Amino acid sequence: MLKAKVYIIGMSPNGASSLLPEACRLVNRSEIVLGGKRLLDMFPSLTGEKIIIGNNLAEVTDVIKTNLGQKQIVVLASGDPGFYGIASYLTRELGKDTVEIIPNVSAMQVAFARIKESWEEAALVSVHSRPVEDIVETVRSNCKIGIFTDEKHTPAAIARVLLEHGVDSYRAYVCQDLGSKDEKVVETDLPGLRETKFSPLNILILLRVQPKEPVSAPCPQWLGIPDEEFHQRRPREGFITKQEVRAVSLVKMRLIDEGILWDIGAGSGAVSIEASCLVKKGRIYAIEKNDADMAVIKKNLWKFHVPNVEVVQTFAPDGLDELPDPTAVFIGGSGGRMEEILDVVSHRLKSGGRIVINIVALENLSAAVNALKARGLVSEVTLVNIARSTSVIELTRFEALNPVFVVTASKQEGMLTHA
């Protein structure tokens, strides 16, 4: 009896000639070969049964399960099967012990090579069978983006959605039919992309264009952007962490250059925007549930031209599982779910990381300190009580802002907290 394995073999844009000898032998000796029609056509001399993969993944899985251990099975995939490919689906359905993956050069790698751009800092996304709207904020907050398209979500369709959302300052490169005699690279901008048709087999790369003259305020190199510089929600203006409290909170976070910050209850996005100046090589996730505040955050990100903040619309802790583990967490609002949020945060926070919470009510302060203690986190509390000068006729008096408790907790190296 054959070993109960299915081999998922990646194909580069150069076709069958790109396979290593062992991978080539596996394909030629297989009794069942599954893959897209384009990939199967690369092996005209195959004697085994060929099964085309399309929108039939459940059927494909059944075929593999039925013949596993009885026949040698190969699945052909594009590039690296584990990179937005079929490997994740089959591994989940069949189990890791059943699957062997032989990767190849991804079309994304080839596309970046064709336009002679490095790709280690690029955001790489896919719109295969998913709404283009899902990638808008990723594009907005990155300078270099590689996008896997499909026949429905074409470069033109992507351009239309991006322009509708106010994203337009990018050069676009469409790398089509890579590795074939029809290979072509087209360079344009988003408006031009919107009106152009391409071969269905393509990769889209977007590179942000830096304006000759600034169209947005650069992020300053000091803490404490004045509150009035930020767009705020109207008519209820004031959904913002005040300048002085913001500065204290950022100091308490001890942000690192390559860190990951979760800004939960981001409001206007002021904390995320200032943090972006301190986390230059890392990533910041501005997490907000309200539609009105989401719109305000996006306006502020555009105004300050912040590249490393990603806006996430969710009611935390919902959706946090999809984010990378944080090195710091700021909680500006919890929506009444502080206990649930701290359950997730205390578990996911990296060792040495810090949690900073802004609180205005005594009852909430007590609850937060007790909740941190229950999770093995020792906290300290700083009361920030600010009054600002204001002119009255020819005199100066002070107007007090609401006092804010800044609660800080850290996760010590090796500390275990319950999920």
Protein backbone atom coordinates (compact mmCIF):
# COMPACT_ATOMS: atom_id res chain seq x y z
CA MET A 1 0.00 0.00 0.00
CA LEU A 2 1.20 3.50 -0.81
CA LYS A 3 2.09 5.96 1.88
CA ALA A 4 -1.09 7.97 2.72
CA LYS A 5 0.23 11.25 1.39
CA VAL A 6 -0.91 13.91 -1.03
CA TYR A 7 1.80 16.06 -2.62
CA ILE A 8 1.02 19.73 -3.23
CA ILE A 9 3.55 20.95 -5.78
CA GLY A 10 4.05 24.60 -6.64
CA MET A 11 4.59 25.72 -10.23
CA SER A 12 6.45 28.91 -11.12
CA PRO A 13 5.32 31.09 -14.04
CA ASN A 14 7.99 29.31 -16.16
CA GLY A 15 5.94 26.12 -16.08
CA ALA A 16 7.03 22.49 -15.88
CA SER A 17 10.68 23.34 -16.46
CA SER A 18 10.74 25.08 -13.07
CA LEU A 19 10.28 21.81 -11.14
CA LEU A 20 13.13 20.10 -9.37
CA PRO A 21 13.77 16.50 -10.54
CA GLU A 22 12.05 14.91 -7.53
CA ALA A 23 8.92 17.03 -7.96
CA CYS A 24 8.88 16.23 -11.68
CA ARG A 25 9.06 12.48 -10.93
CA LEU A 26 6.18 12.75 -8.46
CA VAL A 27 3.98 14.43 -11.07
CA ASN A 28 4.83 11.99 -13.86
CA ARG A 29 4.29 8.90 -11.70
CA SER A 30 1.04 10.08 -10.16
CA GLU A 31 -2.19 8.23 -10.87
CA ILE A 32 -4.31 11.28 -10.01
CA VAL A 33 -3.21 14.84 -10.74
CA LEU A 34 -5.41 17.74 -9.69
CA GLY A 35 -4.94 21.39 -10.59
CA GLY A 36 -6.16 24.34 -12.57
CA LYS A 37 -6.55 23.72 -16.31
CA ARG A 38 -3.60 25.98 -17.13
CA LEU A 39 -1.33 23.97 -14.83
CA LEU A 40 -2.56 20.58 -16.05
CA ASP A 41 -1.94 21.65 -19.66
CA MET A 42 1.74 22.08 -18.79
CA PHE A 43 1.98 18.25 -18.65
CA PRO A 44 0.45 16.98 -21.91
CA SER A 45 2.07 13.54 -21.61
CA LEU A 46 0.59 12.61 -18.23
CA THR A 47 -0.98 9.16 -18.17
CA GLY A 48 -2.74 9.54 -14.83
CA GLU A 49 -6.25 10.83 -14.30
CA LYS A 50 -6.50 14.62 -14.54
CA ILE A 51 -9.04 16.50 -12.42
CA ILE A 52 -9.54 20.24 -12.90
CA ILE A 53 -9.76 22.36 -9.76
CA GLY A 54 -12.20 25.26 -9.93
CA ASN A 55 -15.03 26.11 -7.58
CA ASN A 56 -15.18 22.48 -6.50
CA LEU A 57 -12.92 22.24 -3.46
CA ALA A 58 -15.33 19.98 -1.56
CA GLU A 59 -15.35 17.54 -4.49
CA VAL A 60 -11.55 17.72 -4.72
CA THR A 61 -11.26 16.88 -1.03
CA ASP A 62 -13.61 13.88 -1.42
CA VAL A 63 -11.56 12.54 -4.34
CA ILE A 64 -8.36 12.80 -2.34
CA LYS A 65 -9.85 11.15 0.74
CA THR A 66 -11.32 8.31 -1.32
CA ASN A 67 -8.03 7.49 -3.05
CA LEU A 68 -5.57 8.33 -0.27
CA GLY A 69 -3.21 5.44 0.30
CA GLN A 70 -4.55 3.63 -2.77
CA LYS A 71 -3.20 5.86 -5.53
CA GLN A 72 -0.39 8.38 -5.79
CA ILE A 73 -1.96 11.85 -5.73
CA VAL A 74 -0.46 15.19 -6.71
CA VAL A 75 -2.10 18.61 -6.52
CA LEU A 76 -0.58 21.28 -8.76
CA ALA A 77 -0.69 24.84 -7.44
CA SER A 78 0.68 28.21 -8.51
CA GLY A 79 3.95 29.37 -6.96
CA ASP A 80 4.10 28.75 -3.23
CA PRO A 81 0.96 26.73 -2.32
CA GLY A 82 1.15 28.02 1.25
CA PHE A 83 1.06 31.67 0.19
CA TYR A 84 -2.59 32.54 -0.52
CA GLY A 85 -2.81 29.08 -2.08
CA ILE A 86 -4.65 25.80 -1.76
CA ALA A 87 -2.27 24.33 0.82
CA SER A 88 -3.98 25.96 3.80
CA TYR A 89 -7.37 24.55 2.76
CA LEU A 90 -6.13 21.01 2.12
CA THR A 91 -4.01 20.97 5.26
CA ARG A 92 -7.05 21.96 7.29
CA GLU A 93 -9.29 19.37 5.61
CA LEU A 94 -6.84 16.47 5.42
CA GLY A 95 -4.47 17.09 8.35
CA LYS A 96 -0.82 18.12 8.37
CA ASP A 97 0.45 14.54 8.54
CA THR A 98 -1.27 13.77 5.22
CA VAL A 99 0.13 16.68 3.23
CA GLU A 100 3.58 17.27 1.75
CA ILE A 101 4.20 20.74 0.27
CA ILE A 102 6.86 21.44 -2.34
CA PRO A 103 6.93 25.22 -2.91
CA ASN A 104 8.15 27.08 -5.95
CA VAL A 105 8.83 30.71 -6.85
CA SER A 106 5.67 32.74 -6.32
CA ALA A 107 4.28 34.88 -9.12
CA MET A 108 4.42 37.72 -6.60
CA GLN A 109 8.20 37.34 -6.33
CA VAL A 110 8.51 37.31 -10.11
CA ALA A 111 6.31 40.41 -10.45
CA PHE A 112 8.42 42.43 -8.01
CA ALA A 113 11.55 41.25 -9.81
CA ARG A 114 10.11 42.41 -13.15
CA ILE A 115 9.60 45.97 -11.89
CA LYS A 116 12.94 45.82 -10.04
CA GLU A 117 11.52 46.59 -6.61
CA SER A 118 12.36 44.91 -3.30
CA TRP A 119 9.40 43.33 -1.58
CA GLU A 120 10.50 42.62 2.00
CA GLU A 121 8.59 45.67 3.27
CA ALA A 122 5.56 45.23 1.00
CA ALA A 123 2.06 44.41 2.23
CA LEU A 124 0.89 41.33 0.32
CA VAL A 125 -2.84 40.72 -0.03
CA SER A 126 -5.33 38.78 -2.12
CA VAL A 127 -8.79 39.58 -3.47
CA HIS A 128 -9.50 36.01 -4.60
CA SER A 129 -13.15 35.40 -3.74
CA ARG A 130 -13.25 38.27 -1.23
CA PRO A 131 -14.45 41.89 -1.41
CA VAL A 132 -12.01 44.51 -2.66
CA GLU A 133 -13.21 46.73 0.20
CA ASP A 134 -11.33 44.41 2.59
CA ILE A 135 -7.97 45.70 1.35
CA VAL A 136 -8.71 49.44 1.19
CA GLU A 137 -7.21 50.26 4.60
CA THR A 138 -4.19 48.03 3.96
CA VAL A 139 -3.50 49.95 0.75
CA ARG A 140 -4.12 53.32 2.41
CA SER A 141 -1.67 52.60 5.22
CA ASN A 142 1.20 51.12 3.17
CA CYS A 143 3.65 52.50 0.64
CA LYS A 144 4.12 49.26 -1.30
CA ILE A 145 1.41 46.65 -1.91
CA GLY A 146 1.30 43.43 -3.92
CA ILE A 147 -2.18 42.15 -4.82
CA PHE A 148 -3.30 38.77 -6.13
CA THR A 149 -6.27 39.50 -8.42
CA ASP A 150 -8.85 37.23 -10.04
CA GLU A 151 -11.18 37.36 -13.04
CA LYS A 152 -13.88 39.19 -11.09
CA HIS A 153 -11.70 41.42 -8.92
CA THR A 154 -9.59 42.79 -11.76
CA PRO A 155 -7.04 45.62 -11.55
CA ALA A 156 -9.71 47.94 -13.00
CA ALA A 157 -12.25 46.88 -10.36
CA ILE A 158 -9.67 47.35 -7.59
CA ALA A 159 -8.81 50.83 -8.90
CA ARG A 160 -12.47 51.85 -8.94
CA VAL A 161 -12.98 50.81 -5.32
CA LEU A 162 -9.78 52.51 -4.15
CA LEU A 163 -10.66 55.77 -5.90
CA GLU A 164 -14.17 55.68 -4.44
CA HIS A 165 -12.54 55.53 -0.99
CA GLY A 166 -10.22 58.47 -1.67
CA VAL A 167 -7.08 56.43 -2.34
CA ASP A 168 -5.32 57.72 -5.44
CA SER A 169 -1.65 58.59 -4.87
CA TYR A 170 -0.16 55.35 -6.26
CA ARG A 171 1.66 54.19 -9.36
CA ALA A 172 0.26 50.89 -10.57
CA TYR A 173 2.13 48.02 -12.23
CA VAL A 174 0.17 45.15 -13.76
CA CYS A 175 2.39 42.15 -14.48
CA GLN A 176 0.39 39.83 -16.75
CA ASP A 177 1.01 36.38 -18.22
CA LEU A 178 4.32 36.10 -16.38
CA GLY A 179 6.66 33.46 -17.77
CA SER A 180 4.80 33.14 -21.06
CA LYS A 181 5.50 34.53 -24.54
CA ASP A 182 2.71 37.05 -23.90
CA GLU A 183 4.28 38.41 -20.71
CA LYS A 184 3.76 42.15 -20.34
CA VAL A 185 4.20 44.79 -17.62
CA VAL A 186 1.95 47.85 -17.79
CA GLU A 187 2.67 50.96 -15.71
CA THR A 188 -0.04 53.53 -15.04
CA ASP A 189 -1.83 55.37 -12.22
CA LEU A 190 -5.10 54.44 -10.51
CA PRO A 191 -7.33 56.56 -12.80
CA GLY A 192 -5.61 54.99 -15.83
CA LEU A 193 -5.89 51.53 -14.30
CA ARG A 194 -9.64 51.99 -13.90
CA GLU A 195 -10.11 52.20 -17.67
CA THR A 196 -7.76 49.40 -18.80
CA LYS A 197 -8.40 45.72 -19.46
CA PHE A 198 -5.75 43.09 -18.78
CA SER A 199 -5.19 39.38 -19.20
CA PRO A 200 -6.95 37.47 -16.37
CA LEU A 201 -3.58 36.08 -15.21
CA ASN A 202 -1.93 39.06 -13.51
CA ILE A 203 -0.37 40.51 -10.37
CA LEU A 204 -1.05 44.12 -9.36
CA ILE A 205 1.63 46.13 -7.54
CA LEU A 206 0.97 49.59 -6.11
CA LEU A 207 3.73 52.02 -5.10
CA ARG A 208 2.84 55.20 -3.24
CA VAL A 209 3.85 58.39 -5.02
CA GLN A 210 5.42 60.97 -2.74
CA PRO A 211 4.05 64.40 -3.69
CA LYS A 212 6.52 67.09 -4.76
CA GLU A 213 4.90 69.39 -2.23
CA PRO A 214 3.32 68.05 0.94
CA VAL A 215 -0.45 67.64 0.70
CA SER A 216 -0.76 66.54 4.30
CA ALA A 217 0.84 67.48 7.57
CA PRO A 218 3.93 65.39 8.36
CA CYS A 219 4.00 63.61 11.67
CA PRO A 220 6.06 65.82 14.02
CA GLN A 221 9.03 64.45 15.87
CA TRP A 222 7.76 65.40 19.32
CA LEU A 223 4.91 64.21 21.50
CA GLY A 224 1.76 66.24 21.89
CA ILE A 225 0.08 67.27 18.64
CA PRO A 226 -2.46 69.98 19.60
CA ASP A 227 -5.98 68.61 19.93
CA GLU A 228 -7.37 71.10 17.43
CA GLU A 229 -5.11 69.68 14.70
CA PHE A 230 -7.16 66.49 14.65
CA HIS A 231 -10.51 66.00 12.98
CA GLN A 232 -13.01 65.16 15.71
CA ARG A 233 -16.53 63.81 15.69
CA ARG A 234 -19.23 66.47 15.39
CA PRO A 235 -21.53 67.63 16.87
CA ARG A 236 -20.07 65.77 19.88
CA GLU A 237 -16.56 67.09 19.50
CA GLY A 238 -14.08 65.82 22.02
CA PHE A 239 -13.80 62.07 21.35
CA ILE A 240 -10.04 62.40 21.63
CA THR A 241 -7.35 61.60 24.16
CA LYS A 242 -6.23 65.07 25.21
CA GLN A 243 -2.73 66.23 24.31
CA GLU A 244 -1.21 66.02 27.80
CA VAL A 245 -2.88 62.71 28.67
CA ARG A 246 -1.82 61.34 25.30
CA ALA A 247 1.81 62.23 25.96
CA VAL A 248 1.79 60.60 29.41
CA SER A 249 0.08 57.49 28.04
CA LEU A 250 2.59 57.12 25.22
CA VAL A 251 5.48 57.42 27.66
CA LYS A 252 3.92 54.73 29.84
CA MET A 253 3.60 52.37 26.85
CA ARG A 254 7.39 52.30 26.31
CA LEU A 255 6.91 51.74 22.60
CA ILE A 256 9.69 50.16 20.60
CA ASP A 257 10.67 50.88 17.00
CA GLU A 258 9.57 47.48 15.67
CA GLY A 259 6.64 46.97 18.04
CA ILE A 260 2.99 46.08 17.53
CA LEU A 261 0.44 48.36 19.20
CA TRP A 262 -3.26 47.68 19.62
CA ASP A 263 -5.16 50.96 20.12
CA ILE A 264 -8.54 49.73 21.38
CA GLY A 265 -11.34 52.27 21.26
CA ALA A 266 -9.29 54.48 18.95
CA GLY A 267 -11.84 57.34 18.78
CA SER A 268 -10.23 59.99 16.59
CA GLY A 269 -7.02 57.99 16.09
CA ALA A 270 -4.85 60.56 17.89
CA VAL A 271 -2.98 57.98 19.98
CA SER A 272 -2.33 55.77 16.95
CA ILE A 273 -1.05 58.71 14.91
CA GLU A 274 1.36 59.91 17.58
CA ALA A 275 2.48 56.36 18.27
CA SER A 276 3.33 55.93 14.59
CA CYS A 277 6.20 58.38 15.09
CA LEU A 278 7.64 56.07 17.76
CA VAL A 279 6.87 52.71 16.09
CA LYS A 280 8.47 53.51 12.76
CA LYS A 281 9.25 49.94 11.70
CA GLY A 282 6.32 48.28 13.45
CA ARG A 283 2.57 48.22 13.05
CA ILE A 284 -0.30 49.95 14.81
CA TYR A 285 -3.88 48.74 14.75
CA ALA A 286 -6.51 51.42 15.43
CA ILE A 287 -9.48 49.38 16.62
CA GLU A 288 -12.86 51.10 16.65
CA LYS A 289 -16.49 49.94 16.44
CA ASN A 290 -18.36 53.16 15.59
CA ASP A 291 -18.90 54.11 11.94
CA ALA A 292 -18.67 57.85 12.71
CA ASP A 293 -15.35 57.46 14.49
CA MET A 294 -14.01 55.22 11.73
CA ALA A 295 -14.60 58.03 9.23
CA VAL A 296 -12.80 60.51 11.52
CA ILE A 297 -9.81 58.19 11.97
CA LYS A 298 -9.43 57.83 8.21
CA LYS A 299 -9.49 61.61 7.74
CA ASN A 300 -6.76 62.01 10.36
CA LEU A 301 -4.60 59.27 8.85
CA TRP A 302 -4.83 61.04 5.50
CA LYS A 303 -4.07 64.44 7.01
CA PHE A 304 -0.95 63.24 8.83
CA HIS A 305 0.11 60.89 6.03
CA VAL A 306 0.63 57.99 8.43
CA PRO A 307 1.85 54.82 6.64
CA ASN A 308 1.92 52.19 9.40
CA VAL A 309 -1.52 52.44 11.02
CA GLU A 310 -4.20 49.97 9.98
CA VAL A 311 -7.82 50.72 10.87
CA VAL A 312 -9.82 47.74 12.14
CA GLN A 313 -13.57 48.10 12.56
CA THR A 314 -14.71 45.67 15.25
CA PHE A 315 -16.21 45.64 18.74
CA ALA A 316 -13.21 44.43 20.75
CA PRO A 317 -12.40 41.79 21.78
CA ASP A 318 -14.17 40.52 18.64
CA GLY A 319 -11.70 40.36 15.77
CA LEU A 320 -8.54 40.54 17.87
CA ASP A 321 -7.68 36.92 17.03
CA GLU A 322 -6.82 38.03 13.50
CA LEU A 323 -4.16 40.55 14.64
CA PRO A 324 -0.50 39.79 15.46
CA ASP A 325 0.46 39.58 19.13
CA PRO A 326 1.03 43.08 20.54
CA THR A 327 4.06 44.47 22.34
CA ALA A 328 1.83 47.20 23.80
CA VAL A 329 -1.91 47.77 24.19
CA PHE A 330 -3.70 51.07 24.75
CA ILE A 331 -7.33 50.93 25.89
CA GLY A 332 -9.05 54.26 25.45
CA GLY A 333 -12.55 52.78 25.47
CA SER A 334 -13.94 49.33 26.14
CA GLY A 335 -17.65 49.65 25.40
CA GLY A 336 -18.38 47.91 28.68
CA ARG A 337 -16.29 44.85 27.73
CA MET A 338 -13.16 45.54 29.79
CA GLU A 339 -13.09 42.07 31.40
CA GLU A 340 -13.38 40.34 28.01
CA ILE A 341 -10.74 42.59 26.47
CA LEU A 342 -8.30 41.98 29.31
CA ASP A 343 -8.84 38.23 29.00
CA VAL A 344 -7.56 38.40 25.42
CA VAL A 345 -4.93 41.07 25.96
CA SER A 346 -3.33 39.47 29.03
CA HIS A 347 -2.96 36.23 27.10
CA ARG A 348 -1.76 37.68 23.78
CA LEU A 349 0.55 40.43 25.07
CA LYS A 350 4.19 39.58 24.49
CA SER A 351 6.50 39.16 27.48
CA GLY A 352 7.78 42.53 28.59
CA GLY A 353 4.82 44.26 26.95
CA ARG A 354 2.70 46.93 28.61
CA ILE A 355 -1.00 47.72 28.89
CA VAL A 356 -2.08 51.33 29.34
CA ILE A 357 -5.71 52.19 30.12
CA ASN A 358 -7.31 55.64 30.31
CA ILE A 359 -10.16 55.83 32.84
CA VAL A 360 -12.27 58.74 34.11
CA ALA A 361 -14.68 57.08 36.60
CA LEU A 362 -13.61 55.84 40.04
CA GLU A 363 -15.78 52.73 39.76
CA ASN A 364 -14.15 51.79 36.46
CA LEU A 365 -10.71 52.44 37.94
CA SER A 366 -11.31 50.00 40.77
CA ALA A 367 -12.72 47.40 38.39
CA ALA A 368 -9.76 47.70 36.00
CA VAL A 369 -7.11 47.44 38.74
CA ASN A 370 -8.84 44.38 40.22
CA ALA A 371 -9.19 42.80 36.77
CA LEU A 372 -5.48 43.28 36.06
CA LYS A 373 -4.57 41.85 39.46
CA ALA A 374 -6.79 38.80 38.85
CA ARG A 375 -4.79 38.11 35.69
CA GLY A 376 -1.43 38.28 37.44
CA LEU A 377 -0.58 41.78 36.25
CA VAL A 378 0.65 44.36 38.72
CA SER A 379 -0.59 47.85 37.92
CA GLU A 380 0.30 51.41 38.81
CA VAL A 381 -2.02 54.40 38.54
CA THR A 382 -1.13 57.95 37.57
CA LEU A 383 -3.70 60.71 37.99
CA VAL A 384 -3.31 63.30 35.23
CA ASN A 385 -5.03 66.49 36.34
CA ILE A 386 -4.57 69.25 33.77
CA ALA A 387 -5.63 72.89 33.70
CA ARG A 388 -4.95 75.11 30.71
CA SER A 389 -4.60 78.87 30.75
CA THR A 390 -7.18 81.01 29.02
CA SER A 391 -7.55 84.77 28.63
CA VAL A 392 -10.42 86.65 30.25
CA ILE A 393 -10.40 90.29 29.16
CA GLU A 394 -6.85 91.29 30.18
CA LEU A 395 -6.41 88.56 32.75
CA THR A 396 -5.41 84.92 32.64
CA ARG A 397 -7.25 82.15 34.38
CA PHE A 398 -7.16 78.36 34.19
CA GLU A 399 -9.76 75.94 32.85
CA ALA A 400 -9.55 72.43 34.22
CA LEU A 401 -9.87 69.38 32.00
CA ASN A 402 -11.50 66.22 33.29
CA PRO A 403 -9.01 64.29 35.44
CA VAL A 404 -7.89 61.02 33.84
CA PHE A 405 -6.45 57.95 35.55
CA VAL A 406 -3.67 56.40 33.49
CA VAL A 407 -3.42 52.76 34.54
CA THR A 408 -0.25 50.93 33.51
CA ALA A 409 0.45 47.21 33.78
CA SER A 410 3.30 45.10 32.41
CA LYS A 411 3.72 41.45 31.55
CA GLN A 412 6.96 40.22 33.04
CA GLU A 413 9.22 37.80 31.22
CA GLY A 414 7.96 34.25 31.69
CA MET A 415 4.67 35.35 33.24
CA LEU A 416 1.72 33.10 32.49
CA THR A 417 -1.78 34.58 32.37
CA HIS A 418 -5.05 32.78 31.82
CA ALA A 419 -6.81 33.17 28.47
